[in-house]
Amino acid sequence: MAFHTRDFGDATRVARGRCAYQAGLSAEQQVAARYSEQGCTLLAERWRAGGGELELLLSDPDGVIIYVEVKQSGQFDIALSHQSEALVDAGGDIRIMENFFAGGL
């Protein structure tokens, strides 16, 4: 059976997509663990409502609901360009940006 260049390109794209998906799941787990260490309770993961999805929905020790959007990328500045609240770089370092959408920068 002959393979065409496109066949390899499609397989490569699928493999990259799977790798990115797994990296994203790992980042979400790391961020959830960080919040758990701070006494927060995980209420939901990949919660869908309306037209979007929140990666993490948590409750802090005082009962305040926390929603977290996680962006995983090779570098923080790349993840930041995607406007998220919890950034995870390729080394597993986590940077939490509280109240990002309220001007918390």
PDB file of N, CA and C in Angstrom:
ATOM      1  N   MET A   1       0.845  -1.171   0.000  1.00  0.00           N
ATOM      2  CA  MET A   1       0.000   0.000   0.000  1.00  0.00           C
ATOM      3  C   MET A   1       0.895   1.239   0.000  1.00  0.00           C
ATOM      4  N   ALA A   2       0.609   2.158  -0.870  1.00  0.00           N
ATOM      5  CA  ALA A   2       1.395   3.387  -0.977  1.00  0.00           C
ATOM      6  C   ALA A   2       0.842   4.441  -0.026  1.00  0.00           C
ATOM      7  N   PHE A   3       1.748   5.146   0.637  1.00  0.00           N
ATOM      8  CA  PHE A   3       1.356   6.243   1.521  1.00  0.00           C
ATOM      9  C   PHE A   3       1.625   7.557   0.822  1.00  0.00           C
ATOM     10  N   HIS A   4       0.753   8.472   1.009  1.00  0.00           N
ATOM     11  CA  HIS A   4       0.928   9.796   0.467  1.00  0.00           C
ATOM     12  C   HIS A   4       1.380  10.738   1.580  1.00  0.00           C
ATOM     13  N   THR A   5       1.992  11.837   1.223  1.00  0.00           N
ATOM     14  CA  THR A   5       2.454  12.811   2.206  1.00  0.00           C
ATOM     15  C   THR A   5       1.310  13.241   3.113  1.00  0.00           C
ATOM     16  N   ARG A   6       0.142  13.406   2.549  1.00  0.00           N
ATOM     17  CA  ARG A   6      -1.012  13.833   3.336  1.00  0.00           C
ATOM     18  C   ARG A   6      -1.340  12.827   4.432  1.00  0.00           C
ATOM     19  N   ASP A   7      -1.181  11.528   4.154  1.00  0.00           N
ATOM     20  CA  ASP A   7      -1.459  10.509   5.159  1.00  0.00           C
ATOM     21  C   ASP A   7      -0.598  10.732   6.403  1.00  0.00           C
ATOM     22  N   PHE A   8       0.683  11.022   6.218  1.00  0.00           N
ATOM     23  CA  PHE A   8       1.568  11.261   7.348  1.00  0.00           C
ATOM     24  C   PHE A   8       1.214  12.567   8.052  1.00  0.00           C
ATOM     25  N   GLY A   9       0.839  13.579   7.295  1.00  0.00           N
ATOM     26  CA  GLY A   9       0.449  14.852   7.889  1.00  0.00           C
ATOM     27  C   GLY A   9      -0.770  14.707   8.777  1.00  0.00           C
ATOM     28  N   ASP A  10      -1.763  13.951   8.331  1.00  0.00           N
ATOM     29  CA  ASP A  10      -2.970  13.735   9.132  1.00  0.00           C
ATOM     30  C   ASP A  10      -2.637  12.973  10.411  1.00  0.00           C
ATOM     31  N   ALA A  11      -1.808  11.944  10.290  1.00  0.00           N
ATOM     32  CA  ALA A  11      -1.420  11.160  11.467  1.00  0.00           C
ATOM     33  C   ALA A  11      -0.628  12.012  12.449  1.00  0.00           C
ATOM     34  N   THR A  12       0.234  12.860  11.926  1.00  0.00           N
ATOM     35  CA  THR A  12       1.022  13.746  12.789  1.00  0.00           C
ATOM     36  C   THR A  12       0.123  14.736  13.509  1.00  0.00           C
ATOM     37  N   ARG A  13      -0.840  15.280  12.801  1.00  0.00           N
ATOM     38  CA  ARG A  13      -1.773  16.237  13.400  1.00  0.00           C
ATOM     39  C   ARG A  13      -2.592  15.561  14.502  1.00  0.00           C
ATOM     40  N   VAL A  14      -3.039  14.354  14.257  1.00  0.00           N
ATOM     41  CA  VAL A  14      -3.812  13.610  15.257  1.00  0.00           C
ATOM     42  C   VAL A  14      -2.946  13.339  16.488  1.00  0.00           C
ATOM     43  N   ALA A  15      -1.704  12.937  16.267  1.00  0.00           N
ATOM     44  CA  ALA A  15      -0.797  12.666  17.394  1.00  0.00           C
ATOM     45  C   ALA A  15      -0.530  13.931  18.206  1.00  0.00           C
ATOM     46  N   ARG A  16      -0.328  15.065  17.522  1.00  0.00           N
ATOM     47  CA  ARG A  16      -0.116  16.336  18.233  1.00  0.00           C
ATOM     48  C   ARG A  16      -1.357  16.714  19.044  1.00  0.00           C
ATOM     49  N   GLY A  17      -2.522  16.484  18.465  1.00  0.00           N
ATOM     50  CA  GLY A  17      -3.769  16.783  19.169  1.00  0.00           C
ATOM     51  C   GLY A  17      -3.930  15.941  20.424  1.00  0.00           C
ATOM     52  N   ARG A  18      -3.610  14.674  20.323  1.00  0.00           N
ATOM     53  CA  ARG A  18      -3.694  13.785  21.489  1.00  0.00           C
ATOM     54  C   ARG A  18      -2.708  14.202  22.568  1.00  0.00           C
ATOM     55  N   CYS A  19      -1.509  14.555  22.146  1.00  0.00           N
ATOM     56  CA  CYS A  19      -0.473  15.000  23.089  1.00  0.00           C
ATOM     57  C   CYS A  19      -0.912  16.283  23.785  1.00  0.00           C
ATOM     58  N   ALA A  20      -1.447  17.234  23.038  1.00  0.00           N
ATOM     59  CA  ALA A  20      -1.913  18.494  23.615  1.00  0.00           C
ATOM     60  C   ALA A  20      -3.059  18.253  24.587  1.00  0.00           C
ATOM     61  N   TYR A  21      -3.956  17.342  24.235  1.00  0.00           N
ATOM     62  CA  TYR A  21      -5.086  17.019  25.111  1.00  0.00           C
ATOM     63  C   TYR A  21      -4.580  16.451  26.437  1.00  0.00           C
ATOM     64  N   GLN A  22      -3.647  15.503  26.371  1.00  0.00           N
ATOM     65  CA  GLN A  22      -3.091  14.898  27.585  1.00  0.00           C
ATOM     66  C   GLN A  22      -2.336  15.927  28.418  1.00  0.00           C
ATOM     67  N   ALA A  23      -1.597  16.826  27.764  1.00  0.00           N
ATOM     68  CA  ALA A  23      -0.873  17.882  28.483  1.00  0.00           C
ATOM     69  C   ALA A  23      -1.862  18.799  29.194  1.00  0.00           C
ATOM     70  N   GLY A  24      -2.975  19.103  28.537  1.00  0.00           N
ATOM     71  CA  GLY A  24      -4.004  19.937  29.143  1.00  0.00           C
ATOM     72  C   GLY A  24      -4.630  19.282  30.362  1.00  0.00           C
ATOM     73  N   LEU A  25      -4.924  17.977  30.259  1.00  0.00           N
ATOM     74  CA  LEU A  25      -5.481  17.250  31.406  1.00  0.00           C
ATOM     75  C   LEU A  25      -4.510  17.244  32.581  1.00  0.00           C
ATOM     76  N   SER A  26      -3.237  17.036  32.275  1.00  0.00           N
ATOM     77  CA  SER A  26      -2.213  17.044  33.317  1.00  0.00           C
ATOM     78  C   SER A  26      -2.140  18.405  33.989  1.00  0.00           C
ATOM     79  N   ALA A  27      -2.187  19.466  33.204  1.00  0.00           N
ATOM     80  CA  ALA A  27      -2.154  20.825  33.754  1.00  0.00           C
ATOM     81  C   ALA A  27      -3.349  21.060  34.671  1.00  0.00           C
ATOM     82  N   GLU A  28      -4.529  20.619  34.248  1.00  0.00           N
ATOM     83  CA  GLU A  28      -5.726  20.784  35.065  1.00  0.00           C
ATOM     84  C   GLU A  28      -5.578  20.055  36.394  1.00  0.00           C
ATOM     85  N   GLN A  29      -5.024  18.837  36.355  1.00  0.00           N
ATOM     86  CA  GLN A  29      -4.827  18.064  37.581  1.00  0.00           C
ATOM     87  C   GLN A  29      -3.836  18.760  38.513  1.00  0.00           C
ATOM     88  N   GLN A  30      -2.791  19.342  37.953  1.00  0.00           N
ATOM     89  CA  GLN A  30      -1.801  20.054  38.769  1.00  0.00           C
ATOM     90  C   GLN A  30      -2.417  21.280  39.432  1.00  0.00           C
ATOM     91  N   VAL A  31      -3.220  22.016  38.689  1.00  0.00           N
ATOM     92  CA  VAL A  31      -3.860  23.212  39.246  1.00  0.00           C
ATOM     93  C   VAL A  31      -4.872  22.807  40.321  1.00  0.00           C
ATOM     94  N   ALA A  32      -5.650  21.759  40.071  1.00  0.00           N
ATOM     95  CA  ALA A  32      -6.617  21.280  41.067  1.00  0.00           C
ATOM     96  C   ALA A  32      -5.893  20.868  42.348  1.00  0.00           C
ATOM     97  N   ALA A  33      -4.748  20.218  42.206  1.00  0.00           N
ATOM     98  CA  ALA A  33      -3.964  19.810  43.378  1.00  0.00           C
ATOM     99  C   ALA A  33      -3.472  21.030  44.154  1.00  0.00           C
ATOM    100  N   ARG A  34      -3.053  22.070  43.440  1.00  0.00           N
ATOM    101  CA  ARG A  34      -2.584  23.300  44.095  1.00  0.00           C
ATOM    102  C   ARG A  34      -3.715  23.916  44.926  1.00  0.00           C
ATOM    103  N   TYR A  35      -4.915  23.993  44.359  1.00  0.00           N
ATOM    104  CA  TYR A  35      -6.049  24.540  45.096  1.00  0.00           C
ATOM    105  C   TYR A  35      -6.421  23.647  46.273  1.00  0.00           C
ATOM    106  N   SER A  36      -6.347  22.341  46.088  1.00  0.00           N
ATOM    107  CA  SER A  36      -6.645  21.399  47.162  1.00  0.00           C
ATOM    108  C   SER A  36      -5.693  21.595  48.335  1.00  0.00           C
ATOM    109  N   GLU A  37      -4.423  21.847  48.040  1.00  0.00           N
ATOM    110  CA  GLU A  37      -3.427  22.106  49.093  1.00  0.00           C
ATOM    111  C   GLU A  37      -3.794  23.357  49.894  1.00  0.00           C
ATOM    112  N   GLN A  38      -4.542  24.263  49.280  1.00  0.00           N
ATOM    113  CA  GLN A  38      -4.965  25.505  49.943  1.00  0.00           C
ATOM    114  C   GLN A  38      -6.312  25.344  50.648  1.00  0.00           C
ATOM    115  N   GLY A  39      -6.806  24.102  50.705  1.00  0.00           N
ATOM    116  CA  GLY A  39      -8.048  23.822  51.417  1.00  0.00           C
ATOM    117  C   GLY A  39      -9.308  23.908  50.591  1.00  0.00           C
ATOM    118  N   CYS A  40      -9.175  24.039  49.277  1.00  0.00           N
ATOM    119  CA  CYS A  40     -10.347  24.125  48.403  1.00  0.00           C
ATOM    120  C   CYS A  40     -10.885  22.743  48.074  1.00  0.00           C
ATOM    121  N   THR A  41     -12.169  22.698  47.776  1.00  0.00           N
ATOM    122  CA  THR A  41     -12.839  21.456  47.398  1.00  0.00           C
ATOM    123  C   THR A  41     -13.182  21.514  45.918  1.00  0.00           C
ATOM    124  N   LEU A  42     -12.812  20.488  45.178  1.00  0.00           N
ATOM    125  CA  LEU A  42     -13.132  20.404  43.759  1.00  0.00           C
ATOM    126  C   LEU A  42     -14.594  20.004  43.607  1.00  0.00           C
ATOM    127  N   LEU A  43     -15.371  20.842  42.950  1.00  0.00           N
ATOM    128  CA  LEU A  43     -16.798  20.576  42.735  1.00  0.00           C
ATOM    129  C   LEU A  43     -17.072  19.929  41.392  1.00  0.00           C
ATOM    130  N   ALA A  44     -16.327  20.344  40.361  1.00  0.00           N
ATOM    131  CA  ALA A  44     -16.550  19.809  39.014  1.00  0.00           C
ATOM    132  C   ALA A  44     -15.311  20.035  38.158  1.00  0.00           C
ATOM    133  N   GLU A  45     -15.113  19.141  37.211  1.00  0.00           N
ATOM    134  CA  GLU A  45     -14.050  19.271  36.213  1.00  0.00           C
ATOM    135  C   GLU A  45     -14.687  19.323  34.835  1.00  0.00           C
ATOM    136  N   ARG A  46     -14.132  20.174  33.963  1.00  0.00           N
ATOM    137  CA  ARG A  46     -14.612  20.325  32.595  1.00  0.00           C
ATOM    138  C   ARG A  46     -16.142  20.483  32.568  1.00  0.00           C
ATOM    139  N   TRP A  47     -16.618  21.444  33.374  1.00  0.00           N
ATOM    140  CA  TRP A  47     -18.039  21.727  33.519  1.00  0.00           C
ATOM    141  C   TRP A  47     -18.520  22.550  32.334  1.00  0.00           C
ATOM    142  N   ARG A  48     -19.551  22.054  31.657  1.00  0.00           N
ATOM    143  CA  ARG A  48     -20.080  22.726  30.471  1.00  0.00           C
ATOM    144  C   ARG A  48     -21.394  23.427  30.802  1.00  0.00           C
ATOM    145  N   ALA A  49     -21.493  24.658  30.303  1.00  0.00           N
ATOM    146  CA  ALA A  49     -22.740  25.423  30.446  1.00  0.00           C
ATOM    147  C   ALA A  49     -22.811  26.401  29.291  1.00  0.00           C
ATOM    148  N   GLY A  50     -23.976  26.572  28.763  1.00  0.00           N
ATOM    149  CA  GLY A  50     -24.124  27.495  27.638  1.00  0.00           C
ATOM    150  C   GLY A  50     -23.227  27.070  26.492  1.00  0.00           C
ATOM    151  N   GLY A  51     -22.413  27.990  26.004  1.00  0.00           N
ATOM    152  CA  GLY A  51     -21.536  27.687  24.886  1.00  0.00           C
ATOM    153  C   GLY A  51     -20.091  27.474  25.280  1.00  0.00           C
ATOM    154  N   GLY A  52     -19.824  27.285  26.582  1.00  0.00           N
ATOM    155  CA  GLY A  52     -18.425  27.171  26.983  1.00  0.00           C
ATOM    156  C   GLY A  52     -18.195  26.100  28.023  1.00  0.00           C
ATOM    157  N   GLU A  53     -16.941  26.041  28.444  1.00  0.00           N
ATOM    158  CA  GLU A  53     -16.528  25.044  29.422  1.00  0.00           C
ATOM    159  C   GLU A  53     -15.559  25.682  30.402  1.00  0.00           C
ATOM    160  N   LEU A  54     -15.724  25.353  31.681  1.00  0.00           N
ATOM    161  CA  LEU A  54     -14.765  25.735  32.710  1.00  0.00           C
ATOM    162  C   LEU A  54     -13.998  24.486  33.099  1.00  0.00           C
ATOM    163  N   GLU A  55     -12.676  24.596  33.127  1.00  0.00           N
ATOM    164  CA  GLU A  55     -11.878  23.413  33.460  1.00  0.00           C
ATOM    165  C   GLU A  55     -12.103  22.961  34.898  1.00  0.00           C
ATOM    166  N   LEU A  56     -12.143  23.910  35.833  1.00  0.00           N
ATOM    167  CA  LEU A  56     -12.304  23.550  37.246  1.00  0.00           C
ATOM    168  C   LEU A  56     -13.317  24.460  37.916  1.00  0.00           C
ATOM    169  N   LEU A  57     -14.148  23.874  38.750  1.00  0.00           N
ATOM    170  CA  LEU A  57     -15.081  24.616  39.583  1.00  0.00           C
ATOM    171  C   LEU A  57     -14.815  24.143  41.006  1.00  0.00           C
ATOM    172  N   LEU A  58     -14.436  25.084  41.882  1.00  0.00           N
ATOM    173  CA  LEU A  58     -14.039  24.739  43.236  1.00  0.00           C
ATOM    174  C   LEU A  58     -14.767  25.598  44.259  1.00  0.00           C
ATOM    175  N   SER A  59     -14.630  25.210  45.519  1.00  0.00           N
ATOM    176  CA  SER A  59     -15.144  25.991  46.631  1.00  0.00           C
ATOM    177  C   SER A  59     -14.002  26.173  47.619  1.00  0.00           C
ATOM    178  N   ASP A  60     -13.790  27.421  48.065  1.00  0.00           N
ATOM    179  CA  ASP A  60     -12.717  27.644  49.037  1.00  0.00           C
ATOM    180  C   ASP A  60     -13.237  27.313  50.439  1.00  0.00           C
ATOM    181  N   PRO A  61     -12.372  27.330  51.471  1.00  0.00           N
ATOM    182  CA  PRO A  61     -12.807  26.957  52.822  1.00  0.00           C
ATOM    183  C   PRO A  61     -13.958  27.806  53.365  1.00  0.00           C
ATOM    184  N   ASP A  62     -14.134  29.027  52.844  1.00  0.00           N
ATOM    185  CA  ASP A  62     -15.235  29.886  53.285  1.00  0.00           C
ATOM    186  C   ASP A  62     -16.500  29.687  52.459  1.00  0.00           C
ATOM    187  N   GLY A  63     -16.458  28.770  51.491  1.00  0.00           N
ATOM    188  CA  GLY A  63     -17.619  28.502  50.655  1.00  0.00           C
ATOM    189  C   GLY A  63     -17.721  29.362  49.412  1.00  0.00           C
ATOM    190  N   VAL A  64     -16.701  30.169  49.157  1.00  0.00           N
ATOM    191  CA  VAL A  64     -16.690  31.001  47.958  1.00  0.00           C
ATOM    192  C   VAL A  64     -16.426  30.114  46.748  1.00  0.00           C
ATOM    193  N   ILE A  65     -17.235  30.264  45.711  1.00  0.00           N
ATOM    194  CA  ILE A  65     -17.080  29.477  44.491  1.00  0.00           C
ATOM    195  C   ILE A  65     -15.969  30.080  43.638  1.00  0.00           C
ATOM    196  N   ILE A  66     -15.086  29.223  43.170  1.00  0.00           N
ATOM    197  CA  ILE A  66     -13.958  29.633  42.338  1.00  0.00           C
ATOM    198  C   ILE A  66     -14.066  28.893  41.011  1.00  0.00           C
ATOM    199  N   TYR A  67     -14.038  29.645  39.924  1.00  0.00           N
ATOM    200  CA  TYR A  67     -13.989  28.988  38.621  1.00  0.00           C
ATOM    201  C   TYR A  67     -12.613  29.234  38.035  1.00  0.00           C
ATOM    202  N   VAL A  68     -12.079  28.215  37.395  1.00  0.00           N
ATOM    203  CA  VAL A  68     -10.708  28.286  36.900  1.00  0.00           C
ATOM    204  C   VAL A  68     -10.653  27.854  35.446  1.00  0.00           C
ATOM    205  N   GLU A  69     -10.073  28.703  34.637  1.00  0.00           N
ATOM    206  CA  GLU A  69      -9.755  28.388  33.246  1.00  0.00           C
ATOM    207  C   GLU A  69      -8.261  28.079  33.232  1.00  0.00           C
ATOM    208  N   VAL A  70      -7.885  26.924  32.717  1.00  0.00           N
ATOM    209  CA  VAL A  70      -6.483  26.503  32.707  1.00  0.00           C
ATOM    210  C   VAL A  70      -5.960  26.539  31.281  1.00  0.00           C
ATOM    211  N   LYS A  71      -4.801  27.136  31.092  1.00  0.00           N
ATOM    212  CA  LYS A  71      -4.126  27.140  29.794  1.00  0.00           C
ATOM    213  C   LYS A  71      -2.736  26.578  29.984  1.00  0.00           C
ATOM    214  N   GLN A  72      -2.436  25.523  29.260  1.00  0.00           N
ATOM    215  CA  GLN A  72      -1.126  24.904  29.314  1.00  0.00           C
ATOM    216  C   GLN A  72      -0.380  25.254  28.049  1.00  0.00           C
ATOM    217  N   SER A  73       0.870  25.644  28.196  1.00  0.00           N
ATOM    218  CA  SER A  73       1.690  25.981  27.042  1.00  0.00           C
ATOM    219  C   SER A  73       3.151  25.823  27.429  1.00  0.00           C
ATOM    220  N   GLY A  74       4.017  25.904  26.438  1.00  0.00           N
ATOM    221  CA  GLY A  74       5.446  25.780  26.694  1.00  0.00           C
ATOM    222  C   GLY A  74       5.994  26.898  27.550  1.00  0.00           C
ATOM    223  N   GLN A  75       5.371  28.088  27.464  1.00  0.00           N
ATOM    224  CA  GLN A  75       5.835  29.252  28.214  1.00  0.00           C
ATOM    225  C   GLN A  75       4.629  30.028  28.731  1.00  0.00           C
ATOM    226  N   PHE A  76       4.821  30.719  29.871  1.00  0.00           N
ATOM    227  CA  PHE A  76       3.730  31.479  30.464  1.00  0.00           C
ATOM    228  C   PHE A  76       3.186  32.546  29.519  1.00  0.00           C
ATOM    229  N   ASP A  77       4.066  33.258  28.809  1.00  0.00           N
ATOM    230  CA  ASP A  77       3.577  34.353  27.961  1.00  0.00           C
ATOM    231  C   ASP A  77       2.680  33.849  26.845  1.00  0.00           C
ATOM    232  N   ILE A  78       2.948  32.643  26.357  1.00  0.00           N
ATOM    233  CA  ILE A  78       2.074  32.065  25.331  1.00  0.00           C
ATOM    234  C   ILE A  78       0.720  31.719  25.934  1.00  0.00           C
ATOM    235  N   ALA A  79       0.734  31.102  27.119  1.00  0.00           N
ATOM    236  CA  ALA A  79      -0.528  30.771  27.789  1.00  0.00           C
ATOM    237  C   ALA A  79      -1.293  32.039  28.139  1.00  0.00           C
ATOM    238  N   LEU A  80      -0.582  33.073  28.582  1.00  0.00           N
ATOM    239  CA  LEU A  80      -1.228  34.334  28.937  1.00  0.00           C
ATOM    240  C   LEU A  80      -1.921  34.971  27.742  1.00  0.00           C
ATOM    241  N   SER A  81      -1.357  34.777  26.572  1.00  0.00           N
ATOM    242  CA  SER A  81      -1.974  35.355  25.383  1.00  0.00           C
ATOM    243  C   SER A  81      -3.347  34.749  25.106  1.00  0.00           C
ATOM    244  N   HIS A  82      -3.632  33.615  25.745  1.00  0.00           N
ATOM    245  CA  HIS A  82      -4.946  32.983  25.606  1.00  0.00           C
ATOM    246  C   HIS A  82      -5.912  33.439  26.699  1.00  0.00           C
ATOM    247  N   GLN A  83      -5.509  34.440  27.484  1.00  0.00           N
ATOM    248  CA  GLN A  83      -6.339  35.063  28.518  1.00  0.00           C
ATOM    249  C   GLN A  83      -6.959  34.056  29.472  1.00  0.00           C
ATOM    250  N   SER A  84      -6.145  33.482  30.309  1.00  0.00           N
ATOM    251  CA  SER A  84      -6.656  32.520  31.278  1.00  0.00           C
ATOM    252  C   SER A  84      -6.281  32.933  32.693  1.00  0.00           C
ATOM    253  N   GLU A  85      -6.788  32.202  33.657  1.00  0.00           N
ATOM    254  CA  GLU A  85      -6.528  32.499  35.055  1.00  0.00           C
ATOM    255  C   GLU A  85      -5.476  31.601  35.660  1.00  0.00           C
ATOM    256  N   ALA A  86      -5.283  30.399  35.189  1.00  0.00           N
ATOM    257  CA  ALA A  86      -4.263  29.492  35.744  1.00  0.00           C
ATOM    258  C   ALA A  86      -3.374  29.055  34.599  1.00  0.00           C
ATOM    259  N   LEU A  87      -2.133  29.457  34.657  1.00  0.00           N
ATOM    260  CA  LEU A  87      -1.176  29.176  33.593  1.00  0.00           C
ATOM    261  C   LEU A  87      -0.217  28.083  34.039  1.00  0.00           C
ATOM    262  N   VAL A  88       0.070  27.147  33.156  1.00  0.00           N
ATOM    263  CA  VAL A  88       1.000  26.068  33.456  1.00  0.00           C
ATOM    264  C   VAL A  88       1.984  25.987  32.311  1.00  0.00           C
ATOM    265  N   ASP A  89       3.297  26.060  32.643  1.00  0.00           N
ATOM    266  CA  ASP A  89       4.280  25.984  31.563  1.00  0.00           C
ATOM    267  C   ASP A  89       4.738  24.545  31.364  1.00  0.00           C
ATOM    268  N   ALA A  90       5.621  24.339  30.406  1.00  0.00           N
ATOM    269  CA  ALA A  90       6.072  22.996  30.045  1.00  0.00           C
ATOM    270  C   ALA A  90       6.793  22.299  31.196  1.00  0.00           C
ATOM    271  N   GLY A  91       7.373  23.071  32.106  1.00  0.00           N
ATOM    272  CA  GLY A  91       8.065  22.498  33.255  1.00  0.00           C
ATOM    273  C   GLY A  91       7.149  22.164  34.414  1.00  0.00           C
ATOM    274  N   GLY A  92       5.852  22.433  34.264  1.00  0.00           N
ATOM    275  CA  GLY A  92       4.894  22.134  35.318  1.00  0.00           C
ATOM    276  C   GLY A  92       4.744  23.251  36.335  1.00  0.00           C
ATOM    277  N   ASP A  93       5.420  24.389  36.120  1.00  0.00           N
ATOM    278  CA  ASP A  93       5.245  25.527  37.018  1.00  0.00           C
ATOM    279  C   ASP A  93       3.860  26.115  36.809  1.00  0.00           C
ATOM    280  N   ILE A  94       3.235  26.541  37.888  1.00  0.00           N
ATOM    281  CA  ILE A  94       1.874  27.061  37.844  1.00  0.00           C
ATOM    282  C   ILE A  94       1.884  28.523  38.267  1.00  0.00           C
ATOM    283  N   ARG A  95       1.180  29.354  37.528  1.00  0.00           N
ATOM    284  CA  ARG A  95       1.008  30.767  37.876  1.00  0.00           C
ATOM    285  C   ARG A  95      -0.494  31.041  37.886  1.00  0.00           C
ATOM    286  N   ILE A  96      -1.023  31.379  39.054  1.00  0.00           N
ATOM    287  CA  ILE A  96      -2.453  31.646  39.187  1.00  0.00           C
ATOM    288  C   ILE A  96      -2.675  33.151  39.111  1.00  0.00           C
ATOM    289  N   MET A  97      -3.555  33.551  38.212  1.00  0.00           N
ATOM    290  CA  MET A  97      -3.874  34.959  38.002  1.00  0.00           C
ATOM    291  C   MET A  97      -5.277  35.192  38.561  1.00  0.00           C
ATOM    292  N   GLU A  98      -5.383  35.620  39.822  1.00  0.00           N
ATOM    293  CA  GLU A  98      -6.693  35.820  40.433  1.00  0.00           C
ATOM    294  C   GLU A  98      -7.394  37.023  39.853  1.00  0.00           C
ATOM    295  N   ASN A  99      -8.703  36.897  39.719  1.00  0.00           N
ATOM    296  CA  ASN A  99      -9.562  37.977  39.211  1.00  0.00           C
ATOM    297  C   ASN A  99      -9.080  38.511  37.879  1.00  0.00           C
ATOM    298  N   PHE A 100      -8.595  37.633  37.040  1.00  0.00           N
ATOM    299  CA  PHE A 100      -8.026  38.036  35.749  1.00  0.00           C
ATOM    300  C   PHE A 100      -8.991  38.893  34.942  1.00  0.00           C
ATOM    301  N   PHE A 101     -10.236  38.444  34.845  1.00  0.00           N
ATOM    302  CA  PHE A 101     -11.204  39.154  34.012  1.00  0.00           C
ATOM    303  C   PHE A 101     -11.717  40.427  34.674  1.00  0.00           C
ATOM    304  N   ALA A 102     -11.442  40.577  35.973  1.00  0.00           N
ATOM    305  CA  ALA A 102     -11.852  41.789  36.676  1.00  0.00           C
ATOM    306  C   ALA A 102     -10.715  42.808  36.725  1.00  0.00           C
ATOM    307  N   GLY A 103      -9.660  42.556  35.980  1.00  0.00           N
ATOM    308  CA  GLY A 103      -8.529  43.484  35.956  1.00  0.00           C
ATOM    309  C   GLY A 103      -7.516  43.188  37.041  1.00  0.00           C
ATOM    310  N   GLY A 104      -7.423  41.910  37.451  1.00  0.00           N
ATOM    311  CA  GLY A 104      -6.521  41.522  38.534  1.00  0.00           C
ATOM    312  C   GLY A 104      -5.058  41.524  38.169  1.00  0.00           C
ATOM    313  N   LEU A 105      -4.696  41.882  36.946  1.00  0.00           N
ATOM    314  CA  LEU A 105      -3.294  41.936  36.577  1.00  0.00           C
ATOM    315  C   LEU A 105      -2.702  43.172  37.188  1.00  0.00           C
TER     316      LEU A 105
END
